[in-house]
Amino acid sequence: QVQLVESGGGVVQAGGSLRLSCAASGRTSSSYAMGWFRQAPGKEREFVAVTSWSGGTYYADSLKGRFTISRDNAKNTIYLQMNSLKAEDTAVYYCACRRGGRSSSVGREYDYWGQGTQVTVSS
């Protein structure tokens, strides 16, 4: 079992920045892929970004250039740096973990999920 806890959410004005963190505990491994998803009110959960065990990254096309994912294996932590935030970025952001290390944008392929952290972008 792996436990994931997100932090760093809050309220920010459009154009601003936030950095989210996700701390993993339990039976963690540096070989796991780690990703971010989000869910806006009335919307389905959608893929944001993922980092593989080797450090490779992959982003949703609409977010590439504004969001950056990174990982610190020594701390069992991943981050999501969000810049130039827009009102449509308002959502609950979830951290997820996938065993095996290969990146995926498909939520059902992830094995563990955090409880989420709220990001609200005001205009």
Protein backbone atom coordinates (compact mmCIF):
# COMPACT_ATOMS: atom_id res chain seq x y z
CA GLN A 1 0.00 0.00 0.00
CA VAL A 2 1.14 3.50 -0.89
CA GLN A 3 -0.26 6.64 0.71
CA LEU A 4 -0.18 9.95 -1.15
CA VAL A 5 -0.77 13.37 0.42
CA GLU A 6 -1.06 16.52 -1.69
CA SER A 7 -0.37 20.02 -0.44
CA GLY A 8 0.16 23.52 -1.75
CA GLY A 9 -3.27 24.34 -3.10
CA GLY A 10 -5.01 27.62 -2.45
CA VAL A 11 -6.51 30.70 -4.03
CA VAL A 12 -4.51 32.64 -6.61
CA GLN A 13 -5.32 35.39 -9.08
CA ALA A 14 -5.30 34.71 -12.79
CA GLY A 15 -1.76 34.94 -14.12
CA GLY A 16 -0.25 33.84 -10.84
CA SER A 17 1.63 30.70 -9.84
CA LEU A 18 1.40 27.84 -7.37
CA ARG A 19 3.54 24.82 -6.61
CA LEU A 20 1.84 21.62 -5.51
CA SER A 21 3.61 18.85 -3.64
CA CYS A 22 2.76 15.18 -3.21
CA ALA A 23 4.47 13.17 -0.50
CA ALA A 24 4.42 9.38 -0.81
CA SER A 25 4.76 6.92 2.04
CA GLY A 26 4.33 3.22 2.65
CA ARG A 27 5.66 0.68 0.18
CA THR A 28 7.09 3.23 -2.18
CA SER A 29 9.64 2.67 -4.92
CA SER A 30 11.67 5.00 -7.07
CA SER A 31 10.64 2.82 -10.00
CA TYR A 32 7.01 4.01 -9.80
CA ALA A 33 5.63 6.51 -12.24
CA MET A 34 4.00 9.48 -10.52
CA GLY A 35 1.40 11.76 -12.04
CA TRP A 36 -1.07 14.58 -11.53
CA PHE A 37 -4.73 14.65 -12.50
CA ARG A 38 -7.40 17.25 -11.85
CA GLN A 39 -11.17 17.47 -11.64
CA ALA A 40 -13.09 20.70 -12.12
CA PRO A 41 -16.69 21.18 -10.91
CA GLY A 42 -19.06 19.27 -13.16
CA LYS A 43 -16.21 17.80 -15.20
CA GLU A 44 -14.55 14.41 -15.50
CA ARG A 45 -11.16 13.83 -13.97
CA GLU A 46 -8.48 14.65 -16.53
CA PHE A 47 -4.79 14.00 -16.98
CA VAL A 48 -2.32 16.79 -16.21
CA ALA A 49 1.24 15.42 -16.21
CA VAL A 50 3.35 12.38 -15.32
CA THR A 51 6.99 11.59 -14.60
CA SER A 52 8.42 8.12 -15.16
CA TRP A 53 10.89 6.32 -12.91
CA SER A 54 13.72 7.53 -15.15
CA GLY A 55 12.62 11.16 -14.87
CA GLY A 56 10.99 11.50 -18.26
CA THR A 57 7.94 13.75 -18.38
CA TYR A 58 4.71 13.95 -20.36
CA TYR A 59 2.02 16.66 -20.29
CA ALA A 60 -1.48 17.26 -21.49
CA ASP A 61 -1.15 19.33 -24.67
CA SER A 62 -3.22 22.20 -23.31
CA LEU A 63 -0.93 22.59 -20.29
CA LYS A 64 2.48 22.14 -21.87
CA GLY A 65 4.57 25.25 -21.37
CA ARG A 66 2.70 26.43 -18.27
CA PHE A 67 3.01 23.42 -15.94
CA THR A 68 6.16 21.54 -14.94
CA ILE A 69 6.31 18.21 -13.12
CA SER A 70 9.38 17.03 -11.23
CA ARG A 71 10.31 14.37 -8.70
CA ASP A 72 12.70 14.00 -5.80
CA ASN A 73 13.15 10.29 -5.18
CA ALA A 74 15.18 10.85 -2.02
CA LYS A 75 12.16 12.60 -0.49
CA ASN A 76 9.54 10.37 -2.13
CA THR A 77 7.93 13.56 -3.38
CA ILE A 78 6.74 14.97 -6.68
CA TYR A 79 5.89 18.56 -7.53
CA LEU A 80 3.73 20.44 -9.97
CA GLN A 81 4.80 23.98 -10.74
CA MET A 82 1.85 25.88 -12.22
CA ASN A 83 2.45 29.22 -13.93
CA SER A 84 0.23 31.67 -15.79
CA LEU A 85 -2.82 30.22 -14.12
CA LYS A 86 -6.23 30.69 -15.72
CA ALA A 87 -9.72 30.52 -14.30
CA GLU A 88 -10.26 27.24 -16.11
CA ASP A 89 -7.42 25.71 -14.08
CA THR A 90 -9.67 25.80 -11.03
CA ALA A 91 -10.03 22.20 -9.86
CA VAL A 92 -9.13 19.66 -7.25
CA TYR A 93 -5.67 18.36 -8.12
CA TYR A 94 -4.88 14.72 -7.39
CA CYS A 95 -1.57 12.92 -7.11
CA ALA A 96 -1.42 9.35 -8.43
CA CYS A 97 1.10 6.52 -8.45
CA ARG A 98 1.56 3.77 -11.04
CA ARG A 99 3.62 0.68 -10.36
CA GLY A 100 6.18 -0.38 -12.94
CA GLY A 101 7.56 3.02 -13.87
CA ARG A 102 6.09 3.53 -17.34
CA SER A 103 4.20 6.76 -17.86
CA SER A 104 0.49 6.77 -18.62
CA SER A 105 -2.20 9.41 -19.13
CA VAL A 106 -4.98 6.91 -18.33
CA GLY A 107 -6.34 7.24 -14.83
CA ARG A 108 -7.47 3.62 -14.52
CA GLU A 109 -3.88 2.47 -14.98
CA TYR A 110 -2.83 4.12 -11.72
CA ASP A 111 -2.80 2.10 -8.53
CA TYR A 112 -2.87 4.70 -5.75
CA TRP A 113 -4.47 8.13 -5.34
CA GLY A 114 -4.27 11.00 -2.91
CA GLN A 115 -7.27 12.88 -1.55
CA GLY A 116 -6.62 16.00 -3.60
CA THR A 117 -5.84 19.64 -2.98
CA GLN A 118 -8.06 22.52 -4.10
CA VAL A 119 -6.74 25.12 -6.52
CA THR A 120 -8.94 28.15 -7.13
CA VAL A 121 -7.97 30.75 -9.71
CA SER A 122 -9.84 34.03 -9.42
CA SER A 123 -10.26 36.65 -12.13
